Amino acid sequence: MKDGKIEHVDTAPYKEGDKEIKITKESFKAVIDGILSAASDDAKENPIFKFLEDKSQWFDTPEHVSVMVYHELDTIIEEVVKKHYNTKDWTIKAIFTNYGLFDCILHVLCEKLYGSACSVDKSRHIILSYIKYKAEGKVFELWEEGYWTPKSGTPYQWFNLVEGIHHLSYGRVDKFLQAYTEVLKAHEIHEARKAEFEHYASSLEKSNS
């Protein structure tokens, strides 16, 4: 599915017991429409929907929604986060109120550097490691090797990028661009050293054969 449109559906039939079932684009679309419709119905039954519907004047402009809805909700979330983690760190609070921005930028960057596999896991690990670092002072205990760990850059370079994303959310790009560039440079150095090592290992193997 792309931009809300179904581009391709595998119509190869499959068997359910003795019955052969063929999936068509129309039947697949009906299932998706049913799921979306059910989600929409659930949203309309939510008490928050009914409350906001009664405040429809707030929706005259996006600014009104930002001030009257998101700002109030963000403030509540920030206070809960401050109490839960015993911290006043603004970036941690921003992660909880604007998680999508942090995750999107980090996982797209990880996808660019390491491929699409597990890019979301890497993004999640970076964010959670940052929270642990700022709230508890833990770094390397969490930065163990695994498919969820970025293969280049230091934890601190990634943490600087997390803070840069926070600055970016307020329209301040300098720290973000600097941190983003540092992560890219670290990856270039990592790849160069990796290529150099592989070349050396290959040469050594040839000389011993």
N, C-alpha and C. Protein backbone atom coordinates (compact mmCIF):
# COMPACT_ATOMS: atom_id res chain seq x y z
N MET A 1 0.84 -1.18 0.00
CA MET A 1 0.00 0.00 0.00
C MET A 1 0.88 1.24 0.00
N LYS A 2 0.57 2.23 -0.83
CA LYS A 2 1.34 3.46 -0.91
C LYS A 2 0.39 4.63 -1.06
N ASP A 3 0.57 5.64 -0.18
CA ASP A 3 -0.29 6.83 -0.21
C ASP A 3 -1.76 6.45 -0.15
N GLY A 4 -2.07 5.42 0.67
CA GLY A 4 -3.46 5.01 0.83
C GLY A 4 -4.02 4.18 -0.29
N LYS A 5 -3.18 3.83 -1.31
CA LYS A 5 -3.65 3.06 -2.45
C LYS A 5 -2.98 1.70 -2.49
N ILE A 6 -3.72 0.68 -2.81
CA ILE A 6 -3.18 -0.67 -2.91
C ILE A 6 -2.54 -0.84 -4.28
N GLU A 7 -1.23 -1.08 -4.29
CA GLU A 7 -0.51 -1.18 -5.57
C GLU A 7 -0.47 -2.62 -6.09
N HIS A 8 -0.27 -3.58 -5.18
CA HIS A 8 -0.13 -4.95 -5.63
C HIS A 8 -0.64 -5.90 -4.55
N VAL A 9 -1.34 -6.92 -4.97
CA VAL A 9 -1.82 -7.97 -4.06
C VAL A 9 -1.48 -9.31 -4.68
N ASP A 10 -0.86 -10.17 -3.88
CA ASP A 10 -0.54 -11.51 -4.35
C ASP A 10 -1.83 -12.30 -4.45
N THR A 11 -2.25 -12.63 -5.68
CA THR A 11 -3.54 -13.30 -5.89
C THR A 11 -3.40 -14.81 -5.99
N ALA A 12 -2.23 -15.34 -5.65
CA ALA A 12 -2.05 -16.79 -5.70
C ALA A 12 -3.00 -17.45 -4.70
N PRO A 13 -3.75 -18.46 -5.13
CA PRO A 13 -4.72 -19.09 -4.22
C PRO A 13 -4.02 -19.87 -3.11
N TYR A 14 -4.70 -20.02 -1.97
CA TYR A 14 -4.19 -20.85 -0.89
C TYR A 14 -5.34 -21.72 -0.40
N LYS A 15 -4.99 -22.78 0.32
CA LYS A 15 -6.01 -23.72 0.77
C LYS A 15 -6.30 -23.55 2.25
N GLU A 16 -7.56 -23.56 2.57
CA GLU A 16 -8.01 -23.56 3.95
C GLU A 16 -8.84 -24.82 4.12
N GLY A 17 -8.19 -25.88 4.66
CA GLY A 17 -8.80 -27.20 4.67
C GLY A 17 -8.85 -27.74 3.26
N ASP A 18 -10.02 -28.17 2.82
CA ASP A 18 -10.17 -28.67 1.46
C ASP A 18 -10.63 -27.57 0.49
N LYS A 19 -10.79 -26.37 1.03
CA LYS A 19 -11.33 -25.28 0.22
C LYS A 19 -10.20 -24.41 -0.31
N GLU A 20 -10.20 -24.14 -1.60
CA GLU A 20 -9.20 -23.26 -2.21
C GLU A 20 -9.74 -21.83 -2.24
N ILE A 21 -8.94 -20.93 -1.69
CA ILE A 21 -9.37 -19.54 -1.59
C ILE A 21 -8.42 -18.66 -2.39
N LYS A 22 -8.98 -17.80 -3.19
CA LYS A 22 -8.18 -16.88 -3.99
C LYS A 22 -8.41 -15.45 -3.49
N ILE A 23 -7.32 -14.77 -3.20
CA ILE A 23 -7.40 -13.39 -2.74
C ILE A 23 -7.40 -12.46 -3.95
N THR A 24 -8.37 -11.58 -4.00
CA THR A 24 -8.42 -10.60 -5.07
C THR A 24 -8.10 -9.22 -4.49
N LYS A 25 -7.77 -8.30 -5.39
CA LYS A 25 -7.50 -6.94 -4.94
C LYS A 25 -8.73 -6.35 -4.25
N GLU A 26 -9.90 -6.69 -4.76
CA GLU A 26 -11.14 -6.15 -4.20
C GLU A 26 -11.38 -6.70 -2.79
N SER A 27 -11.16 -8.02 -2.60
CA SER A 27 -11.40 -8.60 -1.28
C SER A 27 -10.38 -8.10 -0.27
N PHE A 28 -9.13 -7.91 -0.72
CA PHE A 28 -8.10 -7.38 0.16
C PHE A 28 -8.44 -5.96 0.58
N LYS A 29 -8.89 -5.15 -0.38
CA LYS A 29 -9.28 -3.77 -0.09
C LYS A 29 -10.44 -3.74 0.90
N ALA A 30 -11.36 -4.68 0.76
CA ALA A 30 -12.51 -4.72 1.66
C ALA A 30 -12.06 -4.99 3.10
N VAL A 31 -11.08 -5.88 3.25
CA VAL A 31 -10.56 -6.18 4.59
C VAL A 31 -9.90 -4.94 5.20
N ILE A 32 -9.04 -4.28 4.41
CA ILE A 32 -8.35 -3.08 4.89
C ILE A 32 -9.35 -1.98 5.25
N ASP A 33 -10.34 -1.78 4.38
CA ASP A 33 -11.37 -0.76 4.64
C ASP A 33 -12.14 -1.08 5.92
N GLY A 34 -12.38 -2.37 6.14
CA GLY A 34 -13.09 -2.78 7.35
C GLY A 34 -12.29 -2.47 8.61
N ILE A 35 -10.98 -2.73 8.55
CA ILE A 35 -10.11 -2.45 9.70
C ILE A 35 -10.08 -0.95 9.99
N LEU A 36 -9.90 -0.14 8.93
CA LEU A 36 -9.85 1.31 9.10
C LEU A 36 -11.18 1.86 9.60
N SER A 37 -12.25 1.30 9.11
CA SER A 37 -13.58 1.76 9.54
C SER A 37 -13.80 1.44 11.00
N ALA A 38 -13.37 0.25 11.44
CA ALA A 38 -13.52 -0.13 12.84
C ALA A 38 -12.70 0.78 13.74
N ALA A 39 -11.47 1.11 13.29
CA ALA A 39 -10.62 2.01 14.07
C ALA A 39 -11.26 3.39 14.18
N SER A 40 -11.86 3.85 13.07
CA SER A 40 -12.53 5.14 13.07
C SER A 40 -13.73 5.14 14.01
N ASP A 41 -14.48 4.06 14.00
CA ASP A 41 -15.64 3.94 14.90
C ASP A 41 -15.20 3.94 16.36
N ASP A 42 -14.11 3.23 16.65
CA ASP A 42 -13.59 3.20 18.02
C ASP A 42 -13.18 4.59 18.48
N ALA A 43 -12.53 5.33 17.57
CA ALA A 43 -12.09 6.69 17.91
C ALA A 43 -13.29 7.57 18.24
N LYS A 44 -14.36 7.42 17.50
CA LYS A 44 -15.54 8.25 17.73
C LYS A 44 -16.25 7.91 19.04
N GLU A 45 -16.02 6.69 19.54
CA GLU A 45 -16.61 6.28 20.82
C GLU A 45 -15.75 6.69 22.01
N ASN A 46 -14.53 7.14 21.73
CA ASN A 46 -13.62 7.55 22.80
C ASN A 46 -14.14 8.84 23.45
N PRO A 47 -14.14 8.90 24.79
CA PRO A 47 -14.61 10.12 25.48
C PRO A 47 -13.84 11.38 25.06
N ILE A 48 -12.57 11.20 24.69
CA ILE A 48 -11.78 12.36 24.26
C ILE A 48 -12.35 12.95 22.98
N PHE A 49 -12.81 12.07 22.06
CA PHE A 49 -13.42 12.55 20.83
C PHE A 49 -14.65 13.39 21.14
N LYS A 50 -15.48 12.90 22.05
CA LYS A 50 -16.71 13.62 22.38
C LYS A 50 -16.39 14.97 23.03
N PHE A 51 -15.35 14.98 23.87
CA PHE A 51 -14.95 16.23 24.51
C PHE A 51 -14.48 17.24 23.47
N LEU A 52 -13.60 16.79 22.56
CA LEU A 52 -13.06 17.69 21.54
C LEU A 52 -14.13 18.13 20.55
N GLU A 53 -15.08 17.24 20.30
CA GLU A 53 -16.16 17.59 19.38
C GLU A 53 -16.97 18.75 19.94
N ASP A 54 -17.12 18.78 21.26
CA ASP A 54 -17.84 19.88 21.90
C ASP A 54 -17.03 21.18 21.89
N LYS A 55 -15.71 21.04 21.65
CA LYS A 55 -14.83 22.21 21.59
C LYS A 55 -14.41 22.49 20.14
N SER A 56 -15.33 22.33 19.24
CA SER A 56 -15.00 22.42 17.81
C SER A 56 -14.41 23.78 17.43
N GLN A 57 -14.68 24.81 18.24
CA GLN A 57 -14.11 26.13 17.93
C GLN A 57 -12.59 26.12 18.00
N TRP A 58 -12.01 25.18 18.74
CA TRP A 58 -10.55 25.07 18.82
C TRP A 58 -9.95 24.68 17.47
N PHE A 59 -10.76 24.08 16.62
CA PHE A 59 -10.26 23.56 15.35
C PHE A 59 -10.39 24.56 14.21
N ASP A 60 -10.64 25.80 14.55
CA ASP A 60 -10.69 26.83 13.50
C ASP A 60 -9.31 27.04 12.89
N THR A 61 -8.26 26.88 13.71
CA THR A 61 -6.89 27.00 13.20
C THR A 61 -6.00 25.95 13.86
N PRO A 62 -4.94 25.50 13.19
CA PRO A 62 -4.00 24.55 13.81
C PRO A 62 -3.36 25.12 15.07
N GLU A 63 -3.15 26.45 15.09
CA GLU A 63 -2.53 27.07 16.26
C GLU A 63 -3.39 26.89 17.50
N HIS A 64 -4.70 27.02 17.35
CA HIS A 64 -5.60 26.83 18.48
C HIS A 64 -5.49 25.40 19.02
N VAL A 65 -5.45 24.42 18.13
CA VAL A 65 -5.31 23.02 18.55
C VAL A 65 -3.99 22.82 19.28
N SER A 66 -2.93 23.42 18.74
CA SER A 66 -1.61 23.30 19.36
C SER A 66 -1.61 23.84 20.78
N VAL A 67 -2.25 25.00 20.96
CA VAL A 67 -2.25 25.64 22.28
C VAL A 67 -3.23 24.97 23.24
N MET A 68 -4.43 24.71 22.77
CA MET A 68 -5.50 24.23 23.65
C MET A 68 -5.47 22.73 23.89
N VAL A 69 -4.88 21.97 22.96
CA VAL A 69 -4.88 20.50 23.11
C VAL A 69 -3.48 19.96 23.35
N TYR A 70 -2.60 20.13 22.36
CA TYR A 70 -1.28 19.50 22.45
C TYR A 70 -0.44 20.09 23.58
N HIS A 71 -0.47 21.39 23.75
CA HIS A 71 0.34 22.01 24.81
C HIS A 71 -0.07 21.50 26.18
N GLU A 72 -1.36 21.43 26.43
CA GLU A 72 -1.85 20.95 27.72
C GLU A 72 -1.47 19.49 27.93
N LEU A 73 -1.66 18.68 26.89
CA LEU A 73 -1.33 17.26 27.00
C LEU A 73 0.17 17.06 27.19
N ASP A 74 0.97 17.80 26.43
CA ASP A 74 2.43 17.69 26.55
C ASP A 74 2.89 18.05 27.96
N THR A 75 2.30 19.08 28.53
CA THR A 75 2.67 19.51 29.88
C THR A 75 2.39 18.41 30.90
N ILE A 76 1.26 17.75 30.75
CA ILE A 76 0.91 16.64 31.65
C ILE A 76 1.91 15.49 31.50
N ILE A 77 2.22 15.13 30.24
CA ILE A 77 3.17 14.05 29.98
C ILE A 77 4.55 14.40 30.54
N GLU A 78 4.97 15.64 30.36
CA GLU A 78 6.28 16.07 30.86
C GLU A 78 6.37 15.93 32.38
N GLU A 79 5.30 16.26 33.08
CA GLU A 79 5.31 16.15 34.54
C GLU A 79 5.38 14.69 34.99
N VAL A 80 4.67 13.82 34.26
CA VAL A 80 4.72 12.38 34.60
C VAL A 80 6.12 11.82 34.34
N VAL A 81 6.72 12.20 33.20
CA VAL A 81 8.07 11.74 32.86
C VAL A 81 9.08 12.24 33.89
N LYS A 82 8.95 13.49 34.30
CA LYS A 82 9.86 14.08 35.29
C LYS A 82 9.82 13.29 36.59
N LYS A 83 8.61 12.90 37.00
CA LYS A 83 8.46 12.13 38.24
C LYS A 83 8.94 10.70 38.07
N HIS A 84 8.62 10.08 36.93
CA HIS A 84 8.97 8.68 36.70
C HIS A 84 10.48 8.47 36.63
N TYR A 85 11.18 9.38 35.97
CA TYR A 85 12.63 9.24 35.79
C TYR A 85 13.44 10.11 36.75
N ASN A 86 12.73 10.85 37.58
CA ASN A 86 13.40 11.74 38.54
C ASN A 86 14.42 12.64 37.82
N THR A 87 13.98 13.26 36.76
CA THR A 87 14.87 14.10 35.96
C THR A 87 14.12 15.32 35.44
N LYS A 88 14.87 16.39 35.22
CA LYS A 88 14.31 17.59 34.61
C LYS A 88 14.83 17.77 33.19
N ASP A 89 15.49 16.73 32.66
CA ASP A 89 16.10 16.82 31.34
C ASP A 89 15.04 17.08 30.27
N TRP A 90 15.26 18.18 29.53
CA TRP A 90 14.27 18.58 28.54
C TRP A 90 14.21 17.64 27.35
N THR A 91 15.33 17.06 26.97
CA THR A 91 15.33 16.18 25.81
C THR A 91 14.57 14.89 26.10
N ILE A 92 14.72 14.36 27.31
CA ILE A 92 13.96 13.16 27.67
C ILE A 92 12.46 13.45 27.59
N LYS A 93 12.05 14.58 28.12
CA LYS A 93 10.63 14.93 28.07
C LYS A 93 10.17 15.12 26.62
N ALA A 94 11.04 15.70 25.80
CA ALA A 94 10.69 15.90 24.38
C ALA A 94 10.53 14.58 23.65
N ILE A 95 11.35 13.59 24.02
CA ILE A 95 11.24 12.26 23.39
C ILE A 95 9.85 11.68 23.62
N PHE A 96 9.34 11.86 24.83
CA PHE A 96 8.03 11.28 25.15
C PHE A 96 6.87 12.06 24.53
N THR A 97 7.07 13.34 24.28
CA THR A 97 5.98 14.12 23.69
C THR A 97 6.07 14.21 22.17
N ASN A 98 7.25 13.85 21.62
CA ASN A 98 7.43 13.95 20.16
C ASN A 98 8.23 12.75 19.66
N TYR A 99 7.88 11.57 20.13
CA TYR A 99 8.65 10.36 19.84
C TYR A 99 8.77 10.11 18.34
N GLY A 100 7.70 10.36 17.61
CA GLY A 100 7.70 10.07 16.17
C GLY A 100 8.81 10.78 15.42
N LEU A 101 9.09 12.03 15.80
CA LEU A 101 10.15 12.79 15.13
C LEU A 101 11.51 12.15 15.38
N PHE A 102 11.81 11.83 16.64
CA PHE A 102 13.09 11.23 16.98
C PHE A 102 13.26 9.88 16.27
N ASP A 103 12.22 9.05 16.36
CA ASP A 103 12.31 7.72 15.77
C ASP A 103 12.44 7.79 14.25
N CYS A 104 11.69 8.66 13.62
CA CYS A 104 11.70 8.76 12.16
C CYS A 104 13.09 9.16 11.66
N ILE A 105 13.65 10.22 12.23
CA ILE A 105 14.97 10.69 11.77
C ILE A 105 16.04 9.63 12.01
N LEU A 106 16.02 9.00 13.18
CA LEU A 106 17.06 8.03 13.51
C LEU A 106 16.94 6.76 12.69
N HIS A 107 15.73 6.25 12.52
CA HIS A 107 15.62 4.98 11.80
C HIS A 107 15.85 5.17 10.30
N VAL A 108 15.48 6.33 9.75
CA VAL A 108 15.78 6.60 8.34
C VAL A 108 17.29 6.72 8.14
N LEU A 109 17.98 7.36 9.09
CA LEU A 109 19.44 7.48 9.00
C LEU A 109 20.09 6.10 9.11
N CYS A 110 19.63 5.28 10.05
CA CYS A 110 20.18 3.92 10.20
C CYS A 110 19.93 3.10 8.94
N GLU A 111 18.78 3.29 8.34
CA GLU A 111 18.46 2.60 7.08
C GLU A 111 19.42 3.03 5.98
N LYS A 112 19.74 4.31 5.95
CA LYS A 112 20.66 4.86 4.95
C LYS A 112 22.07 4.29 5.15
N LEU A 113 22.51 4.15 6.41
CA LEU A 113 23.87 3.72 6.70
C LEU A 113 24.05 2.21 6.68
N TYR A 114 23.03 1.47 7.19
CA TYR A 114 23.21 0.04 7.40
C TYR A 114 22.21 -0.84 6.65
N GLY A 115 21.29 -0.23 5.93
CA GLY A 115 20.26 -1.01 5.25
C GLY A 115 18.98 -1.02 6.07
N SER A 116 17.91 -1.46 5.45
CA SER A 116 16.58 -1.38 6.09
C SER A 116 16.40 -2.38 7.22
N ALA A 117 17.14 -3.49 7.19
CA ALA A 117 16.95 -4.53 8.21
C ALA A 117 17.27 -3.98 9.60
N CYS A 118 16.31 -4.09 10.50
CA CYS A 118 16.49 -3.75 11.92
C CYS A 118 16.78 -2.26 12.16
N SER A 119 16.49 -1.40 11.19
CA SER A 119 16.75 0.03 11.39
C SER A 119 15.89 0.60 12.52
N VAL A 120 14.68 0.11 12.65
CA VAL A 120 13.81 0.57 13.74
C VAL A 120 14.35 0.10 15.09
N ASP A 121 14.90 -1.12 15.13
CA ASP A 121 15.50 -1.63 16.37
C ASP A 121 16.68 -0.76 16.80
N LYS A 122 17.47 -0.34 15.83
CA LYS A 122 18.62 0.53 16.14
C LYS A 122 18.15 1.88 16.66
N SER A 123 17.14 2.43 16.01
CA SER A 123 16.59 3.71 16.45
C SER A 123 16.07 3.61 17.88
N ARG A 124 15.33 2.55 18.16
CA ARG A 124 14.79 2.34 19.51
C ARG A 124 15.91 2.22 20.53
N HIS A 125 16.97 1.49 20.17
CA HIS A 125 18.09 1.30 21.09
C HIS A 125 18.81 2.62 21.38
N ILE A 126 19.00 3.43 20.36
CA ILE A 126 19.65 4.73 20.55
C ILE A 126 18.84 5.60 21.51
N ILE A 127 17.53 5.65 21.28
CA ILE A 127 16.66 6.48 22.12
C ILE A 127 16.64 5.99 23.56
N LEU A 128 16.45 4.68 23.76
CA LEU A 128 16.40 4.14 25.12
C LEU A 128 17.74 4.28 25.82
N SER A 129 18.83 4.13 25.07
CA SER A 129 20.17 4.28 25.65
C SER A 129 20.39 5.73 26.08
N TYR A 130 19.89 6.65 25.29
CA TYR A 130 20.02 8.07 25.66
C TYR A 130 19.29 8.34 26.97
N ILE A 131 18.07 7.82 27.08
CA ILE A 131 17.28 8.04 28.29
C ILE A 131 18.01 7.47 29.51
N LYS A 132 18.55 6.25 29.37
CA LYS A 132 19.30 5.63 30.47
C LYS A 132 20.53 6.44 30.82
N TYR A 133 21.20 6.95 29.80
CA TYR A 133 22.42 7.73 30.01
C TYR A 133 22.13 9.00 30.80
N LYS A 134 21.08 9.72 30.40
CA LYS A 134 20.77 10.98 31.05
C LYS A 134 20.12 10.79 32.42
N ALA A 135 19.32 9.73 32.55
CA ALA A 135 18.60 9.52 33.80
C ALA A 135 19.41 8.76 34.84
N GLU A 136 20.31 7.85 34.37
CA GLU A 136 21.03 6.99 35.29
C GLU A 136 22.54 7.02 35.12
N GLY A 137 23.04 7.71 34.10
CA GLY A 137 24.47 7.78 33.88
C GLY A 137 25.06 6.53 33.25
N LYS A 138 24.21 5.64 32.71
CA LYS A 138 24.68 4.39 32.11
C LYS A 138 24.89 4.58 30.61
N VAL A 139 26.04 4.08 30.12
CA VAL A 139 26.31 4.18 28.68
C VAL A 139 26.69 2.81 28.14
N PHE A 140 27.90 2.38 28.43
CA PHE A 140 28.46 1.21 27.77
C PHE A 140 27.79 -0.09 28.21
N GLU A 141 27.14 -0.08 29.38
CA GLU A 141 26.42 -1.27 29.80
C GLU A 141 25.29 -1.60 28.83
N LEU A 142 24.76 -0.55 28.18
CA LEU A 142 23.65 -0.73 27.26
C LEU A 142 24.09 -0.82 25.81
N TRP A 143 25.35 -0.48 25.54
CA TRP A 143 25.81 -0.40 24.15
C TRP A 143 26.51 -1.69 23.74
N GLU A 144 25.91 -2.82 24.10
CA GLU A 144 26.51 -4.10 23.74
C GLU A 144 26.30 -4.40 22.26
N GLU A 145 27.08 -5.35 21.75
CA GLU A 145 26.97 -5.72 20.34
C GLU A 145 25.66 -6.44 20.08
N GLY A 146 25.05 -6.15 18.95
CA GLY A 146 23.82 -6.84 18.56
C GLY A 146 23.26 -6.21 17.30
N TYR A 147 22.24 -6.83 16.73
CA TYR A 147 21.65 -6.32 15.51
C TYR A 147 20.97 -4.96 15.76
N TRP A 148 20.72 -4.65 17.02
CA TRP A 148 20.05 -3.41 17.38
C TRP A 148 21.03 -2.25 17.61
N THR A 149 22.33 -2.53 17.51
CA THR A 149 23.35 -1.52 17.80
C THR A 149 23.93 -0.95 16.52
N PRO A 150 24.04 0.38 16.39
CA PRO A 150 24.70 0.97 15.21
C PRO A 150 26.14 0.49 15.12
N LYS A 151 26.59 0.19 13.92
CA LYS A 151 27.93 -0.38 13.73
C LYS A 151 29.02 0.69 13.61
N SER A 152 28.63 1.93 13.61
CA SER A 152 29.62 3.01 13.52
C SER A 152 29.18 4.15 14.43
N GLY A 153 30.15 5.01 14.76
CA GLY A 153 29.85 6.12 15.65
C GLY A 153 29.90 5.69 17.10
N THR A 154 30.26 6.61 17.98
CA THR A 154 30.29 6.32 19.41
C THR A 154 28.92 6.59 20.01
N PRO A 155 28.64 6.03 21.19
CA PRO A 155 27.36 6.37 21.84
C PRO A 155 27.17 7.87 21.98
N TYR A 156 28.25 8.58 22.32
CA TYR A 156 28.13 10.02 22.53
C TYR A 156 27.80 10.77 21.24
N GLN A 157 28.31 10.29 20.12
CA GLN A 157 27.96 10.92 18.84
C GLN A 157 26.48 10.75 18.53
N TRP A 158 25.96 9.58 18.83
CA TRP A 158 24.53 9.35 18.62
C TRP A 158 23.69 10.14 19.62
N PHE A 159 24.18 10.25 20.86
CA PHE A 159 23.45 11.02 21.86
C PHE A 159 23.41 12.50 21.48
N ASN A 160 24.51 13.00 20.92
CA ASN A 160 24.52 14.38 20.45
C ASN A 160 23.48 14.59 19.35
N LEU A 161 23.31 13.56 18.52
CA LEU A 161 22.32 13.66 17.45
C LEU A 161 20.91 13.69 18.04
N VAL A 162 20.68 12.87 19.07
CA VAL A 162 19.37 12.89 19.74
C VAL A 162 19.06 14.30 20.24
N GLU A 163 20.05 14.92 20.88
CA GLU A 163 19.86 16.29 21.37
C GLU A 163 19.71 17.27 20.22
N GLY A 164 20.40 16.99 19.11
CA GLY A 164 20.25 17.83 17.93
C GLY A 164 18.84 17.77 17.37
N ILE A 165 18.22 16.60 17.41
CA ILE A 165 16.84 16.45 16.95
C ILE A 165 15.90 17.28 17.82
N HIS A 166 16.19 17.29 19.12
CA HIS A 166 15.40 18.12 20.03
C HIS A 166 15.50 19.59 19.63
N HIS A 167 16.71 20.06 19.35
CA HIS A 167 16.90 21.44 18.90
C HIS A 167 16.16 21.68 17.58
N LEU A 168 16.23 20.70 16.69
CA LEU A 168 15.58 20.82 15.38
C LEU A 168 14.07 21.02 15.54
N SER A 169 13.48 20.35 16.53
CA SER A 169 12.03 20.46 16.74
C SER A 169 11.61 21.88 17.08
N TYR A 170 12.57 22.71 17.50
CA TYR A 170 12.30 24.12 17.78
C TYR A 170 12.84 25.03 16.66
N GLY A 171 13.23 24.43 15.55
CA GLY A 171 13.68 25.21 14.41
C GLY A 171 15.14 25.60 14.46
N ARG A 172 15.88 25.10 15.47
CA ARG A 172 17.30 25.41 15.60
C ARG A 172 18.09 24.27 14.96
N VAL A 173 18.69 24.54 13.81
CA VAL A 173 19.27 23.46 13.00
C VAL A 173 20.76 23.24 13.24
N ASP A 174 21.47 24.21 13.83
CA ASP A 174 22.93 24.14 13.90
C ASP A 174 23.43 22.89 14.60
N LYS A 175 22.94 22.63 15.81
CA LYS A 175 23.40 21.47 16.57
C LYS A 175 23.03 20.17 15.86
N PHE A 176 21.84 20.15 15.26
CA PHE A 176 21.40 18.95 14.53
C PHE A 176 22.32 18.67 13.35
N LEU A 177 22.59 19.69 12.54
CA LEU A 177 23.43 19.49 11.35
C LEU A 177 24.85 19.07 11.73
N GLN A 178 25.38 19.66 12.80
CA GLN A 178 26.72 19.30 13.24
C GLN A 178 26.77 17.85 13.71
N ALA A 179 25.79 17.45 14.53
CA ALA A 179 25.76 16.08 15.05
C ALA A 179 25.51 15.07 13.93
N TYR A 180 24.62 15.41 13.01
CA TYR A 180 24.31 14.53 11.87
C TYR A 180 25.55 14.31 11.02
N THR A 181 26.28 15.40 10.77
CA THR A 181 27.51 15.32 9.98
C THR A 181 28.56 14.46 10.68
N GLU A 182 28.66 14.58 12.00
CA GLU A 182 29.64 13.78 12.75
C GLU A 182 29.33 12.29 12.65
N VAL A 183 28.06 11.94 12.70
CA VAL A 183 27.67 10.53 12.57
C VAL A 183 28.01 10.01 11.17
N LEU A 184 27.77 10.82 10.15
CA LEU A 184 28.10 10.43 8.78
C LEU A 184 29.61 10.25 8.61
N LYS A 185 30.40 11.16 9.17
CA LYS A 185 31.85 11.06 9.09
C LYS A 185 32.35 9.81 9.79
N ALA A 186 31.78 9.53 10.95
CA ALA A 186 32.18 8.34 11.71
C ALA A 186 31.91 7.07 10.90
N HIS A 187 30.80 7.07 10.17
CA HIS A 187 30.47 5.91 9.35
C HIS A 187 31.45 5.77 8.19
N GLU A 188 31.83 6.88 7.58
CA GLU A 188 32.81 6.84 6.49
C GLU A 188 34.14 6.28 6.97
N ILE A 189 34.58 6.71 8.15
CA ILE A 189 35.84 6.20 8.72
C ILE A 189 35.71 4.70 9.01
N HIS A 190 34.58 4.30 9.56
CA HIS A 190 34.35 2.88 9.87
C HIS A 190 34.41 2.03 8.61
N GLU A 191 33.77 2.49 7.54
CA GLU A 191 33.74 1.74 6.29
C GLU A 191 35.13 1.68 5.66
N ALA A 192 35.90 2.77 5.76
CA ALA A 192 37.26 2.79 5.20
C ALA A 192 38.16 1.81 5.94
N ARG A 193 38.05 1.79 7.25
CA ARG A 193 38.86 0.87 8.05
C ARG A 193 38.45 -0.58 7.80
N LYS A 194 37.16 -0.79 7.63
CA LYS A 194 36.66 -2.13 7.34
C LYS A 194 37.20 -2.62 6.01
N ALA A 195 37.18 -1.76 4.99
CA ALA A 195 37.68 -2.12 3.66
C ALA A 195 39.19 -2.38 3.72
N GLU A 196 39.90 -1.57 4.49
CA GLU A 196 41.35 -1.75 4.64
C GLU A 196 41.68 -3.08 5.31
N PHE A 197 40.92 -3.41 6.34
CA PHE A 197 41.14 -4.68 7.04
C PHE A 197 40.83 -5.87 6.13
N GLU A 198 39.74 -5.79 5.39
CA GLU A 198 39.36 -6.88 4.50
C GLU A 198 40.41 -7.06 3.40
N HIS A 199 40.94 -5.95 2.91
CA HIS A 199 42.00 -6.03 1.89
C HIS A 199 43.26 -6.69 2.46
N TYR A 200 43.60 -6.32 3.70
CA TYR A 200 44.78 -6.89 4.35
C TYR A 200 44.58 -8.39 4.59
N ALA A 201 43.39 -8.77 5.07
CA ALA A 201 43.09 -10.17 5.34
C ALA A 201 43.13 -10.99 4.06
N SER A 202 42.61 -10.41 2.97
CA SER A 202 42.62 -11.10 1.68
C SER A 202 44.04 -11.29 1.17
N SER A 203 44.88 -10.26 1.31
CA SER A 203 46.27 -10.34 0.89
C SER A 203 47.02 -11.37 1.70
N LEU A 204 46.77 -11.41 2.99
CA LEU A 204 47.44 -12.36 3.87
C LEU A 204 47.06 -13.79 3.52
N GLU A 205 45.79 -13.99 3.20
CA GLU A 205 45.32 -15.31 2.84
C GLU A 205 45.95 -15.79 1.54
N LYS A 206 46.10 -14.87 0.57
CA LYS A 206 46.71 -15.22 -0.69
C LYS A 206 48.19 -15.57 -0.54
N SER A 207 48.88 -14.81 0.34
CA SER A 207 50.31 -15.05 0.55
C SER A 207 50.57 -16.36 1.28
N ASN A 208 49.60 -16.82 2.04
CA ASN A 208 49.75 -18.08 2.78
C ASN A 208 49.29 -19.29 2.00
N SER A 209 48.64 -19.04 0.84
CA SER A 209 48.11 -20.16 0.05
C SER A 209 49.14 -20.68 -0.94
